Amino acid sequence: MSAIEKRLADLGVSLPNPAKPAANYVPAVQTGNLLFISGQLPMGANGLEHTGQLGAGTEIEAGQAAARLCAINILAQVRAHTGDLDRIVRCVKLTGFVSSAPGFGDQPKVVNGASDFIVEVLGDKGRHSRSAVGVSALPFGAAVEVEAIFEIA
């Protein structure tokens, strides 16, 4: 078991089988030592787990849980592409998209759900640059979508 897989197990997290693309794209592209992971939705064992707009009935805590689940799905995609999470040198960047009602401005608090999880799992190599963007809608009514860039050994 890789060190990162052990850390996930210690946290009680089991990575799912990665989601298949919903359109004409691939879930991961590697160029050189950079691995780009396509946007991941908060998909769980029973499908899409978090829907709605932040600031219009969906609370920040639910958005954070959605972002965390997106980060879990990101790591599942990394594992599927690399075969070994210990090949991660560092998380370079996360971009979080938050379905936001007009006037909602706490996107950074929501995307912290993904950022905090990545740092919790990867430690210092999980510290990353980031964008947190409010959008009017996301695919399938998802509350949050997160994409990532990793440096891979």
N, C-alpha and C. Protein backbone atom coordinates (compact mmCIF):
# COMPACT_ATOMS: atom_id res chain seq x y z
N MET A 1 0.86 -1.18 0.00
CA MET A 1 0.00 0.00 0.00
C MET A 1 0.90 1.24 0.00
N SER A 2 0.58 2.18 -0.88
CA SER A 2 1.36 3.42 -0.96
C SER A 2 1.15 4.24 0.31
N ALA A 3 2.07 5.14 0.58
CA ALA A 3 1.96 6.01 1.76
C ALA A 3 0.70 6.86 1.70
N ILE A 4 0.36 7.34 0.51
CA ILE A 4 -0.85 8.16 0.38
C ILE A 4 -2.10 7.30 0.57
N GLU A 5 -2.09 6.09 0.04
CA GLU A 5 -3.24 5.19 0.24
C GLU A 5 -3.40 4.88 1.73
N LYS A 6 -2.28 4.71 2.44
CA LYS A 6 -2.34 4.46 3.89
C LYS A 6 -2.94 5.67 4.60
N ARG A 7 -2.53 6.87 4.20
CA ARG A 7 -3.08 8.07 4.81
C ARG A 7 -4.59 8.15 4.57
N LEU A 8 -5.02 7.83 3.35
CA LEU A 8 -6.46 7.81 3.06
C LEU A 8 -7.18 6.81 3.95
N ALA A 9 -6.60 5.63 4.09
CA ALA A 9 -7.20 4.59 4.94
C ALA A 9 -7.29 5.07 6.39
N ASP A 10 -6.23 5.73 6.87
CA ASP A 10 -6.24 6.27 8.23
C ASP A 10 -7.36 7.29 8.43
N LEU A 11 -7.70 8.00 7.34
CA LEU A 11 -8.78 8.99 7.38
C LEU A 11 -10.15 8.36 7.15
N GLY A 12 -10.17 7.05 6.88
CA GLY A 12 -11.43 6.37 6.61
C GLY A 12 -11.97 6.63 5.23
N VAL A 13 -11.10 7.01 4.29
CA VAL A 13 -11.52 7.33 2.93
C VAL A 13 -11.10 6.21 1.99
N SER A 14 -12.06 5.71 1.25
CA SER A 14 -11.80 4.72 0.21
C SER A 14 -12.07 5.39 -1.13
N LEU A 15 -11.06 5.39 -2.00
CA LEU A 15 -11.27 6.02 -3.30
C LEU A 15 -12.22 5.19 -4.15
N PRO A 16 -13.16 5.85 -4.81
CA PRO A 16 -14.10 5.13 -5.67
C PRO A 16 -13.47 4.79 -7.02
N ASN A 17 -14.17 3.98 -7.80
CA ASN A 17 -13.79 3.83 -9.20
C ASN A 17 -14.02 5.19 -9.84
N PRO A 18 -13.07 5.67 -10.63
CA PRO A 18 -13.24 7.01 -11.20
C PRO A 18 -14.41 7.08 -12.17
N ALA A 19 -15.05 8.25 -12.18
CA ALA A 19 -16.18 8.48 -13.07
C ALA A 19 -15.73 8.52 -14.52
N LYS A 20 -16.57 8.01 -15.38
CA LYS A 20 -16.33 8.09 -16.82
C LYS A 20 -16.73 9.48 -17.30
N PRO A 21 -16.10 9.97 -18.36
CA PRO A 21 -16.47 11.29 -18.89
C PRO A 21 -17.93 11.33 -19.33
N ALA A 22 -18.57 12.47 -19.09
CA ALA A 22 -19.97 12.65 -19.46
C ALA A 22 -20.12 13.26 -20.85
N ALA A 23 -19.01 13.58 -21.50
CA ALA A 23 -19.05 14.21 -22.82
C ALA A 23 -17.76 13.86 -23.57
N ASN A 24 -17.43 14.65 -24.56
CA ASN A 24 -16.27 14.37 -25.42
C ASN A 24 -14.99 14.99 -24.83
N TYR A 25 -14.45 14.33 -23.81
CA TYR A 25 -13.18 14.73 -23.19
C TYR A 25 -12.61 13.52 -22.48
N VAL A 26 -11.40 13.63 -22.02
CA VAL A 26 -10.78 12.56 -21.23
C VAL A 26 -10.63 13.04 -19.79
N PRO A 27 -10.63 12.14 -18.83
CA PRO A 27 -10.57 12.56 -17.44
C PRO A 27 -9.21 13.08 -16.99
N ALA A 28 -8.15 12.70 -17.70
CA ALA A 28 -6.81 13.14 -17.32
C ALA A 28 -5.92 13.23 -18.55
N VAL A 29 -5.07 14.25 -18.55
CA VAL A 29 -4.09 14.42 -19.62
C VAL A 29 -2.76 14.73 -18.95
N GLN A 30 -1.74 13.96 -19.35
CA GLN A 30 -0.40 14.24 -18.85
C GLN A 30 0.44 14.79 -19.97
N THR A 31 1.14 15.88 -19.69
CA THR A 31 2.10 16.44 -20.62
C THR A 31 3.36 16.71 -19.80
N GLY A 32 4.44 16.07 -20.19
CA GLY A 32 5.64 16.14 -19.38
C GLY A 32 5.36 15.58 -18.01
N ASN A 33 5.71 16.34 -16.98
CA ASN A 33 5.46 15.87 -15.62
C ASN A 33 4.22 16.50 -14.98
N LEU A 34 3.39 17.14 -15.79
CA LEU A 34 2.15 17.73 -15.29
C LEU A 34 0.96 16.87 -15.67
N LEU A 35 0.10 16.61 -14.70
CA LEU A 35 -1.11 15.83 -14.90
C LEU A 35 -2.31 16.75 -14.64
N PHE A 36 -3.12 16.94 -15.67
CA PHE A 36 -4.31 17.78 -15.59
C PHE A 36 -5.52 16.86 -15.40
N ILE A 37 -6.26 17.08 -14.32
CA ILE A 37 -7.46 16.29 -14.05
C ILE A 37 -8.68 17.14 -14.39
N SER A 38 -9.52 16.60 -15.27
CA SER A 38 -10.75 17.30 -15.65
C SER A 38 -11.63 17.54 -14.43
N GLY A 39 -12.51 18.52 -14.54
CA GLY A 39 -13.40 18.85 -13.43
C GLY A 39 -14.16 17.64 -12.93
N GLN A 40 -14.16 17.48 -11.63
CA GLN A 40 -14.86 16.38 -10.97
C GLN A 40 -16.03 16.93 -10.19
N LEU A 41 -17.14 16.23 -10.29
CA LEU A 41 -18.36 16.60 -9.58
C LEU A 41 -18.42 15.83 -8.26
N PRO A 42 -19.31 16.23 -7.35
CA PRO A 42 -19.44 15.51 -6.08
C PRO A 42 -20.26 14.23 -6.24
N MET A 43 -19.68 13.28 -6.97
CA MET A 43 -20.33 11.99 -7.22
C MET A 43 -19.95 11.03 -6.11
N GLY A 44 -20.94 10.40 -5.52
CA GLY A 44 -20.73 9.39 -4.49
C GLY A 44 -21.26 8.05 -4.94
N ALA A 45 -21.37 7.14 -4.03
CA ALA A 45 -21.82 5.79 -4.34
C ALA A 45 -23.22 5.76 -4.95
N ASN A 46 -24.04 6.75 -4.61
CA ASN A 46 -25.42 6.79 -5.11
C ASN A 46 -25.62 7.86 -6.17
N GLY A 47 -24.55 8.28 -6.81
CA GLY A 47 -24.66 9.31 -7.84
C GLY A 47 -24.31 10.69 -7.30
N LEU A 48 -24.85 11.71 -7.93
CA LEU A 48 -24.57 13.09 -7.55
C LEU A 48 -25.12 13.36 -6.14
N GLU A 49 -24.22 13.73 -5.23
CA GLU A 49 -24.62 13.87 -3.83
C GLU A 49 -24.95 15.29 -3.39
N HIS A 50 -24.45 16.29 -4.10
CA HIS A 50 -24.68 17.67 -3.67
C HIS A 50 -25.10 18.51 -4.86
N THR A 51 -26.33 19.03 -4.79
CA THR A 51 -26.86 19.87 -5.86
C THR A 51 -27.30 21.21 -5.25
N GLY A 52 -27.66 22.11 -6.13
CA GLY A 52 -28.19 23.39 -5.68
C GLY A 52 -27.19 24.52 -5.78
N GLN A 53 -27.66 25.70 -5.42
CA GLN A 53 -26.84 26.91 -5.46
C GLN A 53 -26.50 27.36 -4.06
N LEU A 54 -25.23 27.70 -3.87
CA LEU A 54 -24.82 28.29 -2.61
C LEU A 54 -25.42 29.68 -2.52
N GLY A 55 -25.94 30.00 -1.36
CA GLY A 55 -26.59 31.29 -1.17
C GLY A 55 -28.06 31.28 -1.55
N ALA A 56 -28.55 30.12 -1.99
CA ALA A 56 -29.98 29.99 -2.34
C ALA A 56 -30.48 28.63 -1.86
N GLY A 57 -30.27 28.37 -0.58
CA GLY A 57 -30.76 27.12 0.00
C GLY A 57 -29.69 26.09 0.29
N THR A 58 -28.55 26.17 -0.35
CA THR A 58 -27.45 25.25 -0.06
C THR A 58 -26.46 25.97 0.85
N GLU A 59 -26.21 25.39 2.01
CA GLU A 59 -25.36 26.01 3.02
C GLU A 59 -23.87 25.80 2.72
N ILE A 60 -23.04 26.65 3.29
CA ILE A 60 -21.59 26.58 3.07
C ILE A 60 -21.05 25.21 3.48
N GLU A 61 -21.53 24.63 4.58
CA GLU A 61 -21.04 23.33 5.03
C GLU A 61 -21.33 22.25 4.00
N ALA A 62 -22.49 22.30 3.37
CA ALA A 62 -22.83 21.33 2.31
C ALA A 62 -21.93 21.54 1.10
N GLY A 63 -21.64 22.80 0.79
CA GLY A 63 -20.72 23.10 -0.31
C GLY A 63 -19.32 22.59 -0.02
N GLN A 64 -18.88 22.74 1.22
CA GLN A 64 -17.56 22.22 1.60
C GLN A 64 -17.51 20.70 1.48
N ALA A 65 -18.58 20.03 1.89
CA ALA A 65 -18.65 18.57 1.75
C ALA A 65 -18.62 18.17 0.28
N ALA A 66 -19.29 18.95 -0.56
CA ALA A 66 -19.28 18.69 -2.00
C ALA A 66 -17.87 18.85 -2.56
N ALA A 67 -17.18 19.92 -2.15
CA ALA A 67 -15.81 20.16 -2.63
C ALA A 67 -14.88 19.05 -2.17
N ARG A 68 -15.05 18.58 -0.95
CA ARG A 68 -14.23 17.47 -0.44
C ARG A 68 -14.45 16.21 -1.28
N LEU A 69 -15.70 15.93 -1.59
CA LEU A 69 -16.00 14.76 -2.41
C LEU A 69 -15.41 14.91 -3.81
N CYS A 70 -15.43 16.11 -4.35
CA CYS A 70 -14.76 16.36 -5.64
C CYS A 70 -13.27 16.04 -5.54
N ALA A 71 -12.64 16.42 -4.42
CA ALA A 71 -11.21 16.15 -4.23
C ALA A 71 -10.94 14.66 -4.12
N ILE A 72 -11.82 13.93 -3.46
CA ILE A 72 -11.69 12.47 -3.40
C ILE A 72 -11.73 11.90 -4.82
N ASN A 73 -12.66 12.39 -5.62
CA ASN A 73 -12.77 11.91 -7.00
C ASN A 73 -11.57 12.31 -7.85
N ILE A 74 -10.98 13.46 -7.56
CA ILE A 74 -9.75 13.86 -8.24
C ILE A 74 -8.65 12.85 -7.96
N LEU A 75 -8.47 12.49 -6.69
CA LEU A 75 -7.42 11.51 -6.36
C LEU A 75 -7.70 10.16 -6.99
N ALA A 76 -8.97 9.79 -7.13
CA ALA A 76 -9.30 8.54 -7.83
C ALA A 76 -8.86 8.61 -9.28
N GLN A 77 -9.02 9.76 -9.91
CA GLN A 77 -8.57 9.93 -11.30
C GLN A 77 -7.05 9.88 -11.40
N VAL A 78 -6.36 10.50 -10.43
CA VAL A 78 -4.90 10.46 -10.42
C VAL A 78 -4.43 9.01 -10.31
N ARG A 79 -5.01 8.27 -9.39
CA ARG A 79 -4.62 6.86 -9.22
C ARG A 79 -4.89 6.06 -10.48
N ALA A 80 -6.03 6.30 -11.12
CA ALA A 80 -6.36 5.56 -12.35
C ALA A 80 -5.35 5.87 -13.45
N HIS A 81 -4.87 7.11 -13.50
CA HIS A 81 -3.93 7.50 -14.55
C HIS A 81 -2.51 7.03 -14.25
N THR A 82 -2.08 7.16 -13.01
CA THR A 82 -0.68 6.88 -12.66
C THR A 82 -0.46 5.47 -12.13
N GLY A 83 -1.50 4.88 -11.57
CA GLY A 83 -1.36 3.56 -10.95
C GLY A 83 -0.80 3.62 -9.53
N ASP A 84 -0.31 4.78 -9.10
CA ASP A 84 0.32 4.88 -7.78
C ASP A 84 0.28 6.34 -7.33
N LEU A 85 -0.48 6.61 -6.28
CA LEU A 85 -0.59 7.97 -5.78
C LEU A 85 0.73 8.52 -5.26
N ASP A 86 1.65 7.64 -4.91
CA ASP A 86 2.95 8.11 -4.44
C ASP A 86 3.78 8.74 -5.55
N ARG A 87 3.32 8.68 -6.78
CA ARG A 87 3.99 9.40 -7.87
C ARG A 87 3.71 10.90 -7.83
N ILE A 88 2.77 11.32 -6.97
CA ILE A 88 2.47 12.74 -6.84
C ILE A 88 3.67 13.44 -6.20
N VAL A 89 4.23 14.41 -6.91
CA VAL A 89 5.29 15.25 -6.37
C VAL A 89 4.66 16.39 -5.59
N ARG A 90 3.60 16.98 -6.17
CA ARG A 90 2.85 18.02 -5.47
C ARG A 90 1.58 18.34 -6.23
N CYS A 91 0.62 18.87 -5.50
CA CYS A 91 -0.56 19.44 -6.12
C CYS A 91 -0.18 20.87 -6.49
N VAL A 92 -0.27 21.18 -7.76
CA VAL A 92 0.14 22.50 -8.25
C VAL A 92 -1.00 23.50 -8.12
N LYS A 93 -2.21 23.10 -8.55
CA LYS A 93 -3.33 24.03 -8.53
C LYS A 93 -4.66 23.31 -8.48
N LEU A 94 -5.58 23.89 -7.73
CA LEU A 94 -6.98 23.49 -7.75
C LEU A 94 -7.79 24.67 -8.26
N THR A 95 -8.78 24.38 -9.08
CA THR A 95 -9.75 25.40 -9.47
C THR A 95 -11.12 24.87 -9.09
N GLY A 96 -11.81 25.63 -8.23
CA GLY A 96 -13.14 25.24 -7.80
C GLY A 96 -14.19 26.15 -8.39
N PHE A 97 -15.23 25.53 -8.91
CA PHE A 97 -16.37 26.26 -9.47
C PHE A 97 -17.55 26.02 -8.54
N VAL A 98 -18.16 27.09 -8.07
CA VAL A 98 -19.23 27.01 -7.08
C VAL A 98 -20.50 27.58 -7.70
N SER A 99 -21.54 26.77 -7.77
CA SER A 99 -22.83 27.24 -8.25
C SER A 99 -23.34 28.25 -7.22
N SER A 100 -23.47 29.50 -7.66
CA SER A 100 -23.69 30.60 -6.72
C SER A 100 -24.89 31.45 -7.10
N ALA A 101 -25.70 31.75 -6.10
CA ALA A 101 -26.79 32.70 -6.29
C ALA A 101 -26.19 34.11 -6.40
N PRO A 102 -26.91 35.03 -7.04
CA PRO A 102 -26.43 36.41 -7.11
C PRO A 102 -26.13 36.94 -5.71
N GLY A 103 -24.98 37.58 -5.58
CA GLY A 103 -24.59 38.16 -4.31
C GLY A 103 -23.82 37.24 -3.39
N PHE A 104 -23.76 35.94 -3.71
CA PHE A 104 -23.00 35.02 -2.87
C PHE A 104 -21.52 35.24 -3.12
N GLY A 105 -20.74 35.45 -2.07
CA GLY A 105 -19.32 35.75 -2.24
C GLY A 105 -18.38 34.89 -1.42
N ASP A 106 -18.88 33.77 -0.89
CA ASP A 106 -18.05 32.92 -0.05
C ASP A 106 -17.51 31.70 -0.78
N GLN A 107 -17.25 31.82 -2.07
CA GLN A 107 -16.69 30.71 -2.83
C GLN A 107 -15.40 30.18 -2.21
N PRO A 108 -14.48 31.05 -1.73
CA PRO A 108 -13.26 30.51 -1.12
C PRO A 108 -13.53 29.59 0.07
N LYS A 109 -14.53 29.94 0.91
CA LYS A 109 -14.87 29.08 2.04
C LYS A 109 -15.36 27.72 1.56
N VAL A 110 -16.12 27.69 0.49
CA VAL A 110 -16.64 26.44 -0.06
C VAL A 110 -15.49 25.58 -0.59
N VAL A 111 -14.62 26.17 -1.39
CA VAL A 111 -13.54 25.42 -2.03
C VAL A 111 -12.51 24.96 -1.00
N ASN A 112 -12.52 25.57 0.19
CA ASN A 112 -11.66 25.06 1.26
C ASN A 112 -11.93 23.59 1.56
N GLY A 113 -13.12 23.11 1.29
CA GLY A 113 -13.42 21.69 1.49
C GLY A 113 -12.50 20.80 0.68
N ALA A 114 -12.17 21.22 -0.55
CA ALA A 114 -11.23 20.47 -1.39
C ALA A 114 -9.80 20.73 -0.96
N SER A 115 -9.45 22.00 -0.76
CA SER A 115 -8.08 22.36 -0.40
C SER A 115 -7.65 21.71 0.90
N ASP A 116 -8.50 21.80 1.91
CA ASP A 116 -8.16 21.22 3.21
C ASP A 116 -7.95 19.71 3.11
N PHE A 117 -8.78 19.04 2.32
CA PHE A 117 -8.65 17.59 2.17
C PHE A 117 -7.35 17.23 1.47
N ILE A 118 -7.02 17.93 0.40
CA ILE A 118 -5.78 17.63 -0.35
C ILE A 118 -4.56 17.82 0.55
N VAL A 119 -4.54 18.88 1.34
CA VAL A 119 -3.42 19.11 2.26
C VAL A 119 -3.41 18.06 3.37
N GLU A 120 -4.58 17.68 3.86
CA GLU A 120 -4.66 16.65 4.90
C GLU A 120 -4.08 15.33 4.41
N VAL A 121 -4.34 14.99 3.16
CA VAL A 121 -3.87 13.72 2.60
C VAL A 121 -2.41 13.79 2.17
N LEU A 122 -2.03 14.88 1.50
CA LEU A 122 -0.70 14.95 0.90
C LEU A 122 0.32 15.71 1.74
N GLY A 123 -0.10 16.36 2.80
CA GLY A 123 0.84 17.14 3.60
C GLY A 123 1.35 18.32 2.81
N ASP A 124 2.62 18.66 3.00
CA ASP A 124 3.19 19.84 2.34
C ASP A 124 3.11 19.76 0.82
N LYS A 125 3.20 18.55 0.25
CA LYS A 125 3.11 18.48 -1.21
C LYS A 125 1.67 18.67 -1.70
N GLY A 126 0.74 18.85 -0.77
CA GLY A 126 -0.63 19.17 -1.12
C GLY A 126 -0.91 20.66 -1.15
N ARG A 127 0.04 21.46 -0.69
CA ARG A 127 -0.17 22.92 -0.69
C ARG A 127 -0.11 23.41 -2.14
N HIS A 128 -1.11 24.17 -2.54
CA HIS A 128 -1.31 24.46 -3.96
C HIS A 128 -1.76 25.91 -4.17
N SER A 129 -1.64 26.34 -5.42
CA SER A 129 -2.28 27.60 -5.80
C SER A 129 -3.74 27.27 -6.08
N ARG A 130 -4.59 28.30 -6.16
CA ARG A 130 -6.02 28.00 -6.27
C ARG A 130 -6.81 29.16 -6.82
N SER A 131 -7.90 28.82 -7.47
CA SER A 131 -8.94 29.78 -7.83
C SER A 131 -10.27 29.23 -7.33
N ALA A 132 -11.13 30.12 -6.85
CA ALA A 132 -12.47 29.77 -6.41
C ALA A 132 -13.42 30.69 -7.16
N VAL A 133 -14.21 30.14 -8.06
CA VAL A 133 -14.99 30.92 -9.01
C VAL A 133 -16.49 30.65 -8.82
N GLY A 134 -17.27 31.70 -8.74
CA GLY A 134 -18.71 31.56 -8.69
C GLY A 134 -19.28 31.49 -10.09
N VAL A 135 -20.20 30.55 -10.32
CA VAL A 135 -20.86 30.38 -11.62
C VAL A 135 -22.36 30.27 -11.40
N SER A 136 -23.12 30.54 -12.45
CA SER A 136 -24.58 30.51 -12.30
C SER A 136 -25.15 29.10 -12.31
N ALA A 137 -24.45 28.16 -12.93
CA ALA A 137 -24.94 26.77 -12.98
C ALA A 137 -23.78 25.85 -13.31
N LEU A 138 -23.92 24.58 -12.88
CA LEU A 138 -22.94 23.54 -13.17
C LEU A 138 -23.66 22.33 -13.76
N PRO A 139 -22.93 21.43 -14.43
CA PRO A 139 -23.57 20.26 -15.03
C PRO A 139 -24.40 19.47 -14.01
N PHE A 140 -25.56 19.04 -14.45
CA PHE A 140 -26.47 18.19 -13.67
C PHE A 140 -26.96 18.86 -12.38
N GLY A 141 -26.82 20.17 -12.29
CA GLY A 141 -27.25 20.88 -11.10
C GLY A 141 -26.30 20.76 -9.92
N ALA A 142 -25.06 20.30 -10.16
CA ALA A 142 -24.09 20.13 -9.08
C ALA A 142 -23.83 21.45 -8.37
N ALA A 143 -23.55 21.35 -7.08
CA ALA A 143 -23.25 22.54 -6.29
C ALA A 143 -21.81 23.01 -6.51
N VAL A 144 -20.90 22.06 -6.77
CA VAL A 144 -19.48 22.38 -6.88
C VAL A 144 -18.85 21.46 -7.93
N GLU A 145 -17.82 21.97 -8.60
CA GLU A 145 -16.97 21.18 -9.49
C GLU A 145 -15.53 21.64 -9.24
N VAL A 146 -14.60 20.69 -9.19
CA VAL A 146 -13.20 21.03 -8.93
C VAL A 146 -12.32 20.32 -9.95
N GLU A 147 -11.36 21.06 -10.51
CA GLU A 147 -10.35 20.49 -11.40
C GLU A 147 -8.98 20.68 -10.75
N ALA A 148 -7.97 19.94 -11.24
CA ALA A 148 -6.67 19.98 -10.58
C ALA A 148 -5.53 19.80 -11.54
N ILE A 149 -4.36 20.30 -11.13
CA ILE A 149 -3.11 20.05 -11.82
C ILE A 149 -2.12 19.51 -10.80
N PHE A 150 -1.46 18.40 -11.14
CA PHE A 150 -0.46 17.78 -10.28
C PHE A 150 0.86 17.68 -11.01
N GLU A 151 1.95 17.76 -10.26
CA GLU A 151 3.26 17.39 -10.77
C GLU A 151 3.45 15.92 -10.40
N ILE A 152 3.84 15.12 -11.40
CA ILE A 152 3.97 13.67 -11.23
C ILE A 152 5.41 13.26 -11.49
N ALA A 153 5.92 12.36 -10.66
CA ALA A 153 7.27 11.81 -10.86
C ALA A 153 7.23 10.73 -11.93
